Amino acid sequence: MKIVVIGAQWGDEGKGKIVDYLANEAQIIVRYSGGANAGHTIVIGNEEYALHLIPSGILYPDKVVILGAGMVIDPVALFNELKMLDDRGIDTGGRVLISDRAHLVLPRYIQIDKERDLARKKPIGTTGRGIGITYSMKSEREGIRIADLSWPEKLEELEGVDRDFLAPFAERLKAMSVDLSSYLVHHRNSQVLFEGAQGTLLDLDLGTYPYVSSGMSSAAGAAIGGCVGPRALDKVLGVFKAYSTRVGNGPFPSEFDPGSEDELCRFVRDTGREYGVTTGRPRRCGYLDLVALRYACLTNSIDSLVMTHLDVYNTMEEIKACVAYRIDGRMVESFPASIEALNKAEPVLRSFPGWKKPLDNSLVYEEFPVQAMEYIEFIERFCETPIHIVSVGYDRKATIIRKSPWTK
């Protein structure tokens, strides 16, 4: 069985925890897009691991993880991450593979990335990791892939500084490389998780362009970046938070008002630890945007949703969610492509009673306070998509499974 896990918002939804949890029943975990601009935090007991390139399943000793064809890989970041894991007692030997079609991030790309964003009249707010430049070079057919490290003529085309940078890493990268399509055919009977990066609203085509990432963070990207046909994918899970967050610039219709709702923003940010794993930047916070979430469900054929951070609302008297936009005086219930329209959009909010009880004591969904269940079930009806998993904390154990995605 092959399951895709994507972000259904602007990234940072908690995909890493969910992939880590579901990886218990998988044999192979493939991350299919993005680079070191993404970050996942995994909490196991008192141990916390920050991962940027390596798929979350690496923390299980018997899993194989693969960096897919749609990824762009910074060798320095990759080997630093492997060393961090090895230093902490996680044996990664022979368990981390890389698609030979994945592209490499070069140091000068990182410098170009930073300079280009600063030079923009309206900066996008990139992480400055060279990701967009690497994808741009890929599109211009000037990039270099893992497979090209064995092609002397291609290496000769590179600038000397690029060859010098790659030289210490080349043999190690080649030893980890794999023909991903053949590998997955050989392991056709294995349970496979395809892990996305960022979220649907940062997808190059589906997101709030140009305030997006440069890769395919939608479910469709799993087929391309994972080197399988789309009909080989069995299910799509969309992960979303009980509220919305965004990093960097770009429209955010349900964002908390910085004047009247500054205290609420600080509460959600601090309680939810809404600071970037990769950059440390504070995330912009707002009400759950159900218009955007329904759009994510429709454009990704999401089979079921995974709700995270519901416990952040444990102490609140009232909860609100955005159910429509008001743009130029008219009600809008679909997610527009126009950035101008999104910038003008005012959230139409619906209120829900809070539950004022901790959720982490619940072992099953039926033990949730009725108010929490009403909030969840309203979201299901609005998006016409079931919520089968609810996360109420950072630890693996703080995960309520209403229906296992591994069930056919």
Protein backbone atom coordinates (compact mmCIF):
# COMPACT_ATOMS: atom_id res chain seq x y z
CA MET A 1 0.00 0.00 0.00
CA LYS A 2 1.27 3.49 -0.87
CA ILE A 3 0.11 6.50 1.16
CA VAL A 4 0.89 10.18 0.52
CA VAL A 5 1.11 12.63 3.43
CA ILE A 6 0.91 16.31 2.46
CA GLY A 7 0.50 19.65 4.17
CA ALA A 8 -2.98 21.10 3.65
CA GLN A 9 -2.05 24.66 4.66
CA TRP A 10 1.11 26.82 4.33
CA GLY A 11 3.44 24.17 5.73
CA ASP A 12 4.44 23.59 9.38
CA GLU A 13 1.29 21.55 9.97
CA GLY A 14 3.00 18.71 11.86
CA LYS A 15 3.63 16.36 8.91
CA GLY A 16 6.89 15.17 10.46
CA LYS A 17 5.18 13.85 13.58
CA ILE A 18 2.44 12.17 11.54
CA VAL A 19 4.88 10.52 9.12
CA ASP A 20 6.95 9.36 12.09
CA TYR A 21 3.83 7.89 13.70
CA LEU A 22 2.58 6.16 10.55
CA ALA A 23 6.06 4.91 9.64
CA ASN A 24 5.68 2.26 12.34
CA GLU A 25 3.62 0.26 9.84
CA ALA A 26 5.64 1.16 6.73
CA GLN A 27 8.87 -0.32 5.42
CA ILE A 28 9.93 2.55 3.14
CA ILE A 29 9.51 6.31 3.54
CA VAL A 30 10.12 8.52 0.50
CA ARG A 31 10.32 12.28 0.74
CA TYR A 32 9.42 13.55 -2.70
CA SER A 33 10.03 17.33 -2.76
CA GLY A 34 11.76 20.33 -1.21
CA GLY A 35 15.14 20.67 0.42
CA ALA A 36 16.78 21.91 3.60
CA ASN A 37 14.27 24.79 3.69
CA ALA A 38 11.81 22.41 5.33
CA GLY A 39 11.96 21.26 8.94
CA HIS A 40 10.30 18.55 11.00
CA THR A 41 10.46 18.22 14.79
CA ILE A 42 9.97 14.71 16.18
CA VAL A 43 9.44 14.19 19.92
CA ILE A 44 9.90 10.73 21.45
CA GLY A 45 9.65 10.81 25.23
CA ASN A 46 12.24 13.33 26.42
CA GLU A 47 14.14 13.27 23.12
CA GLU A 48 13.58 15.85 20.38
CA TYR A 49 14.97 15.60 16.84
CA ALA A 50 14.99 18.40 14.25
CA LEU A 51 15.15 17.00 10.72
CA HIS A 52 15.44 19.03 7.53
CA LEU A 53 16.28 16.68 4.65
CA ILE A 54 16.02 13.15 5.99
CA PRO A 55 12.51 11.63 6.14
CA SER A 56 10.98 11.26 9.59
CA GLY A 57 10.92 7.44 9.49
CA ILE A 58 14.68 7.29 10.05
CA LEU A 59 14.08 7.16 13.83
CA TYR A 60 12.80 3.59 13.52
CA PRO A 61 15.78 1.20 13.31
CA ASP A 62 14.31 -1.06 10.64
CA LYS A 63 13.06 1.50 8.09
CA VAL A 64 14.61 2.59 4.80
CA VAL A 65 14.23 6.28 3.96
CA ILE A 66 14.76 7.76 0.50
CA LEU A 67 15.32 11.33 -0.68
CA GLY A 68 13.25 11.43 -3.86
CA ALA A 69 13.77 12.71 -7.39
CA GLY A 70 11.85 15.90 -6.70
CA MET A 71 14.19 16.98 -3.91
CA VAL A 72 17.10 19.41 -4.07
CA ILE A 73 19.89 18.36 -1.74
CA ASP A 74 22.54 20.43 -0.01
CA PRO A 75 25.38 17.95 0.67
CA VAL A 76 26.68 19.93 3.66
CA ALA A 77 23.24 19.98 5.31
CA LEU A 78 22.68 16.29 4.50
CA PHE A 79 25.91 15.00 6.02
CA ASN A 80 25.62 17.31 9.03
CA GLU A 81 22.18 15.85 9.66
CA LEU A 82 23.45 12.29 9.30
CA LYS A 83 26.25 13.05 11.77
CA MET A 84 23.77 14.52 14.24
CA LEU A 85 21.70 11.34 14.10
CA ASP A 86 24.72 9.07 14.40
CA ASP A 87 26.04 11.12 17.35
CA ARG A 88 22.69 10.59 19.08
CA GLY A 89 22.77 6.85 18.62
CA ILE A 90 20.56 6.53 15.53
CA ASP A 91 22.24 4.04 13.19
CA THR A 92 21.68 5.39 9.66
CA GLY A 93 24.09 3.07 7.87
CA GLY A 94 22.61 1.67 4.67
CA ARG A 95 19.16 3.06 5.52
CA VAL A 96 19.36 6.46 3.80
CA LEU A 97 19.16 6.36 0.01
CA ILE A 98 18.95 9.16 -2.59
CA SER A 99 17.27 9.08 -5.97
CA ASP A 100 19.93 9.43 -8.65
CA ARG A 101 17.62 11.97 -10.32
CA ALA A 102 17.64 14.39 -7.35
CA HIS A 103 19.37 17.73 -7.90
CA LEU A 104 22.20 19.22 -5.84
CA VAL A 105 22.33 22.63 -4.16
CA LEU A 106 25.62 24.46 -4.70
CA PRO A 107 26.97 27.19 -2.34
CA ARG A 108 26.75 29.92 -4.98
CA TYR A 109 23.04 29.12 -5.40
CA ILE A 110 22.54 29.97 -1.73
CA GLN A 111 24.27 33.33 -2.17
CA ILE A 112 22.24 34.11 -5.31
CA ASP A 113 19.04 33.18 -3.44
CA LYS A 114 19.71 35.66 -0.64
CA GLU A 115 20.77 38.46 -2.98
CA ARG A 116 17.82 37.98 -5.32
CA ASP A 117 15.19 38.08 -2.58
CA LEU A 118 16.72 41.22 -1.07
CA ALA A 119 16.69 42.87 -4.50
CA ARG A 120 12.97 42.23 -5.06
CA LYS A 121 10.61 45.18 -4.68
CA LYS A 122 8.42 42.85 -2.64
CA PRO A 123 10.60 40.12 -1.07
CA ILE A 124 9.06 36.67 -0.92
CA GLY A 125 10.74 35.91 2.39
CA THR A 126 12.62 32.76 1.33
CA THR A 127 14.68 30.76 3.81
CA GLY A 128 17.82 31.68 1.84
CA ARG A 129 18.85 28.03 1.43
CA GLY A 130 19.28 28.15 -2.35
CA ILE A 131 16.19 26.05 -2.96
CA GLY A 132 14.47 28.31 -5.50
CA ILE A 133 17.70 28.88 -7.41
CA THR A 134 18.37 25.15 -7.61
CA TYR A 135 14.87 24.50 -8.97
CA SER A 136 15.37 27.39 -11.40
CA MET A 137 18.64 25.88 -12.64
CA LYS A 138 16.84 22.56 -12.99
CA SER A 139 14.15 24.17 -15.16
CA GLU A 140 16.79 25.90 -17.27
CA ARG A 141 18.53 22.52 -17.70
CA GLU A 142 21.67 23.84 -16.08
CA GLY A 143 21.43 21.88 -12.82
CA ILE A 144 23.45 18.92 -11.65
CA ARG A 145 21.96 15.66 -10.40
CA ILE A 146 23.30 12.83 -8.28
CA ALA A 147 23.57 10.71 -11.45
CA ASP A 148 25.76 13.38 -13.08
CA LEU A 149 28.50 12.87 -10.49
CA SER A 150 29.56 9.86 -12.59
CA TRP A 151 29.59 11.87 -15.85
CA PRO A 152 33.04 13.48 -16.34
CA GLU A 153 31.95 15.67 -19.25
CA LYS A 154 29.12 17.16 -17.17
CA LEU A 155 31.45 17.87 -14.27
CA GLU A 156 33.82 19.68 -16.64
CA GLU A 157 30.99 22.06 -17.54
CA LEU A 158 30.79 23.25 -13.93
CA GLU A 159 32.72 26.20 -12.59
CA GLY A 160 35.88 25.25 -10.77
CA VAL A 161 34.50 26.34 -7.41
CA ASP A 162 31.52 23.99 -7.90
CA ARG A 163 33.74 21.01 -8.74
CA ASP A 164 35.91 21.73 -5.71
CA PHE A 165 32.84 21.87 -3.49
CA LEU A 166 31.42 18.57 -4.77
CA ALA A 167 34.68 16.60 -4.77
CA PRO A 168 34.67 15.62 -1.05
CA PHE A 169 31.04 14.49 -1.23
CA ALA A 170 30.88 12.75 -4.62
CA GLU A 171 31.76 9.18 -3.63
CA ARG A 172 29.55 9.22 -0.54
CA LEU A 173 26.61 10.55 -2.55
CA LYS A 174 27.10 7.99 -5.32
CA ALA A 175 27.23 5.18 -2.75
CA MET A 176 23.82 6.28 -1.44
CA SER A 177 22.20 6.73 -4.86
CA VAL A 178 19.48 4.47 -6.17
CA ASP A 179 17.29 4.13 -9.26
CA LEU A 180 14.11 4.92 -7.32
CA SER A 181 11.58 3.65 -9.86
CA SER A 182 13.32 0.26 -10.09
CA TYR A 183 13.79 0.12 -6.34
CA LEU A 184 10.08 0.62 -5.68
CA VAL A 185 9.12 -1.93 -8.34
CA HIS A 186 11.43 -4.42 -6.62
CA HIS A 187 9.72 -3.61 -3.30
CA ARG A 188 6.21 -3.45 -4.76
CA ASN A 189 4.75 -5.43 -1.86
CA SER A 190 6.10 -3.07 0.79
CA GLN A 191 4.10 -0.46 2.68
CA VAL A 192 5.40 2.92 1.42
CA LEU A 193 4.86 6.41 2.82
CA PHE A 194 5.42 9.40 0.53
CA GLU A 195 6.28 12.47 2.61
CA GLY A 196 5.64 15.95 1.25
CA ALA A 197 7.33 19.20 2.22
CA GLN A 198 5.76 22.62 2.86
CA GLY A 199 2.02 22.65 2.05
CA THR A 200 -0.56 22.92 -0.72
CA LEU A 201 -0.79 26.71 -0.40
CA LEU A 202 2.97 26.92 -1.06
CA ASP A 203 2.82 24.67 -4.12
CA LEU A 204 4.27 26.34 -7.22
CA ASP A 205 1.04 25.87 -9.21
CA LEU A 206 -1.71 25.56 -6.60
CA GLY A 207 -0.39 28.01 -4.02
CA THR A 208 -0.46 31.78 -3.49
CA TYR A 209 1.93 32.51 -6.35
CA PRO A 210 4.47 34.16 -6.31
CA TYR A 211 4.59 33.74 -2.52
CA VAL A 212 5.23 30.02 -2.81
CA SER A 213 8.03 27.49 -2.70
CA SER A 214 9.63 26.31 -5.93
CA GLY A 215 8.77 22.64 -5.64
CA MET A 216 5.65 20.50 -5.93
CA SER A 217 4.20 20.26 -2.45
CA SER A 218 0.82 18.99 -3.61
CA ALA A 219 -0.17 15.31 -3.76
CA ALA A 220 0.52 15.23 -7.50
CA GLY A 221 4.19 15.80 -6.72
CA ALA A 222 4.38 12.41 -4.97
CA ALA A 223 4.03 10.58 -8.28
CA ILE A 224 6.73 12.63 -10.03
CA GLY A 225 9.14 13.06 -7.12
CA GLY A 226 8.53 9.52 -5.93
CA CYS A 227 9.08 7.99 -9.40
CA VAL A 228 5.75 6.14 -9.50
CA GLY A 229 2.65 6.49 -11.64
CA PRO A 230 -0.30 8.36 -10.09
CA ARG A 231 -2.49 5.25 -10.15
CA ALA A 232 0.05 3.48 -7.93
CA LEU A 233 -0.87 5.79 -5.04
CA ASP A 234 -3.60 4.41 -2.81
CA LYS A 235 -4.47 7.26 -0.42
CA VAL A 236 -3.76 10.92 0.26
CA LEU A 237 -3.71 12.28 3.81
CA GLY A 238 -3.81 16.04 4.36
CA VAL A 239 -2.34 17.40 7.59
CA PHE A 240 -3.66 20.68 9.02
CA LYS A 241 -3.51 22.56 12.30
CA ALA A 242 -6.54 23.55 14.38
CA TYR A 243 -5.57 27.13 13.44
CA SER A 244 -3.54 28.57 10.55
CA THR A 245 0.06 29.76 10.33
CA ARG A 246 2.29 31.16 7.63
CA VAL A 247 6.01 31.97 7.40
CA GLY A 248 7.33 34.74 5.18
CA ASN A 249 5.39 37.19 3.07
CA GLY A 250 2.21 36.71 1.12
CA PRO A 251 -1.57 36.85 1.67
CA PHE A 252 -3.07 35.37 4.83
CA PRO A 253 -6.81 36.20 4.98
CA SER A 254 -7.49 34.73 8.44
CA GLU A 255 -4.42 36.22 10.15
CA PHE A 256 -4.98 37.59 13.64
CA ASP A 257 -5.27 41.36 13.64
CA PRO A 258 -1.91 42.72 14.94
CA GLY A 259 -3.70 45.46 16.86
CA SER A 260 -6.82 44.02 18.43
CA GLU A 261 -5.70 40.37 18.53
CA ASP A 262 -2.02 40.66 19.42
CA GLU A 263 -2.51 38.89 22.76
CA LEU A 264 -4.33 35.99 21.06
CA CYS A 265 -1.54 35.75 18.48
CA ARG A 266 1.14 35.60 21.19
CA PHE A 267 -0.81 32.93 23.08
CA VAL A 268 -1.21 30.68 20.03
CA ARG A 269 2.38 31.23 18.88
CA ASP A 270 3.91 30.47 22.26
CA THR A 271 1.59 27.61 23.20
CA GLY A 272 1.95 26.01 19.78
CA ARG A 273 5.72 26.72 19.62
CA GLU A 274 5.20 28.46 16.31
CA TYR A 275 8.79 29.21 15.42
CA GLY A 276 10.48 27.86 12.31
CA VAL A 277 12.50 24.64 12.76
CA THR A 278 14.88 25.71 10.00
CA THR A 279 15.05 29.49 10.50
CA GLY A 280 13.73 30.11 14.01
CA ARG A 281 11.47 32.83 12.59
CA PRO A 282 8.18 33.43 14.44
CA ARG A 283 5.26 32.24 12.36
CA ARG A 284 2.31 34.42 11.50
CA CYS A 285 -0.80 33.01 13.19
CA GLY A 286 -4.51 33.18 12.48
CA TYR A 287 -7.87 31.46 12.64
CA LEU A 288 -8.34 28.14 10.90
CA ASP A 289 -9.11 29.03 7.26
CA LEU A 290 -11.71 26.51 6.17
CA VAL A 291 -12.05 28.05 2.70
CA ALA A 292 -8.37 27.32 2.06
CA LEU A 293 -8.59 23.89 3.68
CA ARG A 294 -11.53 22.87 1.50
CA TYR A 295 -9.56 24.07 -1.54
CA ALA A 296 -6.65 21.84 -0.46
CA CYS A 297 -8.99 18.86 -0.13
CA LEU A 298 -10.42 19.40 -3.60
CA THR A 299 -7.13 20.00 -5.44
CA ASN A 300 -5.34 17.03 -3.85
CA SER A 301 -8.16 14.46 -3.75
CA ILE A 302 -7.52 14.17 -0.02
CA ASP A 303 -9.07 10.96 1.31
CA SER A 304 -8.83 11.92 4.97
CA LEU A 305 -7.53 14.74 7.09
CA VAL A 306 -5.14 14.74 10.03
CA MET A 307 -5.73 17.48 12.61
CA THR A 308 -2.82 18.64 14.78
CA HIS A 309 -2.32 21.16 17.62
CA LEU A 310 -5.91 20.85 18.80
CA ASP A 311 -4.57 20.92 22.36
CA VAL A 312 -3.42 24.55 21.86
CA TYR A 313 -7.08 25.53 22.31
CA ASN A 314 -7.52 23.61 25.59
CA THR A 315 -7.90 26.68 27.81
CA MET A 316 -9.93 28.94 25.53
CA GLU A 317 -13.51 29.97 26.20
CA GLU A 318 -14.31 30.44 22.51
CA ILE A 319 -12.81 29.31 19.21
CA LYS A 320 -13.36 30.87 15.82
CA ALA A 321 -12.81 29.64 12.26
CA CYS A 322 -12.99 31.39 8.89
CA VAL A 323 -15.87 30.05 6.77
CA ALA A 324 -15.87 32.62 3.93
CA TYR A 325 -14.21 35.86 2.79
CA ARG A 326 -15.66 39.30 2.30
CA ILE A 327 -13.93 40.90 -0.70
CA ASP A 328 -14.99 44.37 -1.92
CA GLY A 329 -18.28 43.98 -0.10
CA ARG A 330 -19.24 40.59 -1.54
CA MET A 331 -19.16 37.14 0.06
CA VAL A 332 -16.63 34.71 -1.45
CA GLU A 333 -16.69 31.02 -0.53
CA SER A 334 -13.94 29.72 -2.82
CA PHE A 335 -10.18 30.28 -2.66
CA PRO A 336 -9.19 32.87 -5.31
CA ALA A 337 -5.99 32.79 -7.38
CA SER A 338 -5.70 36.59 -7.30
CA ILE A 339 -3.22 37.86 -4.73
CA GLU A 340 -4.94 41.24 -4.87
CA ALA A 341 -8.26 39.61 -3.93
CA LEU A 342 -6.66 37.60 -1.12
CA ASN A 343 -4.95 40.71 0.26
CA LYS A 344 -8.34 42.45 0.40
CA ALA A 345 -10.12 39.45 1.88
CA GLU A 346 -11.67 39.87 5.32
CA PRO A 347 -12.43 36.64 7.17
CA VAL A 348 -16.04 35.77 7.88
CA LEU A 349 -15.81 34.01 11.23
CA ARG A 350 -17.93 31.38 12.94
CA SER A 351 -17.65 30.90 16.71
CA PHE A 352 -17.50 27.62 18.61
CA PRO A 353 -17.56 27.04 22.38
CA GLY A 354 -14.28 25.98 23.95
CA TRP A 355 -13.91 22.83 26.06
CA LYS A 356 -11.65 24.08 28.87
CA LYS A 357 -10.24 20.59 29.48
CA PRO A 358 -6.92 18.94 28.59
CA LEU A 359 -7.22 16.58 25.64
CA ASP A 360 -4.04 14.63 26.25
CA ASN A 361 -5.81 12.47 28.86
CA SER A 362 -8.06 11.05 26.15
CA LEU A 363 -7.13 7.61 24.84
CA VAL A 364 -9.85 7.47 22.19
CA TYR A 365 -11.82 10.06 20.25
CA GLU A 366 -15.03 9.27 22.13
CA GLU A 367 -13.39 10.57 25.34
CA PHE A 368 -12.99 14.08 23.89
CA PRO A 369 -15.21 16.82 25.35
CA VAL A 370 -18.36 17.24 23.27
CA GLN A 371 -17.29 20.79 22.27
CA ALA A 372 -14.04 19.49 20.75
CA MET A 373 -15.96 16.83 18.81
CA GLU A 374 -18.42 19.45 17.54
CA TYR A 375 -15.51 21.58 16.25
CA ILE A 376 -13.97 18.58 14.49
CA GLU A 377 -17.24 17.40 13.00
CA PHE A 378 -18.10 20.85 11.67
CA ILE A 379 -14.76 20.89 9.81
CA GLU A 380 -15.53 17.46 8.35
CA ARG A 381 -18.89 18.64 7.04
CA PHE A 382 -17.51 21.91 5.68
CA CYS A 383 -14.65 20.22 3.80
CA GLU A 384 -16.66 17.07 2.97
CA THR A 385 -13.64 15.09 4.12
CA PRO A 386 -13.33 12.91 7.24
CA ILE A 387 -10.77 13.62 9.97
CA HIS A 388 -9.34 10.21 10.84
CA ILE A 389 -6.37 11.25 13.02
CA VAL A 390 -6.17 13.93 15.72
CA SER A 391 -2.90 14.96 17.38
CA VAL A 392 -3.14 16.49 20.85
CA GLY A 393 0.56 16.90 21.69
CA TYR A 394 4.10 16.57 20.37
CA ASP A 395 4.84 13.06 21.59
CA ARG A 396 4.09 10.03 19.41
CA LYS A 397 1.66 8.77 22.04
CA ALA A 398 -0.46 11.94 21.89
CA THR A 399 -2.15 10.75 18.70
CA ILE A 400 -5.76 9.62 18.43
CA ILE A 401 -6.50 7.26 15.53
CA ARG A 402 -10.16 7.19 14.56
CA LYS A 403 -9.43 5.06 11.50
CA SER A 404 -6.04 3.76 10.40
CA PRO A 405 -5.00 4.92 6.92
CA TRP A 406 -3.42 1.51 6.36
CA THR A 407 -6.94 0.04 6.29
CA LYS A 408 -7.98 -0.67 2.71
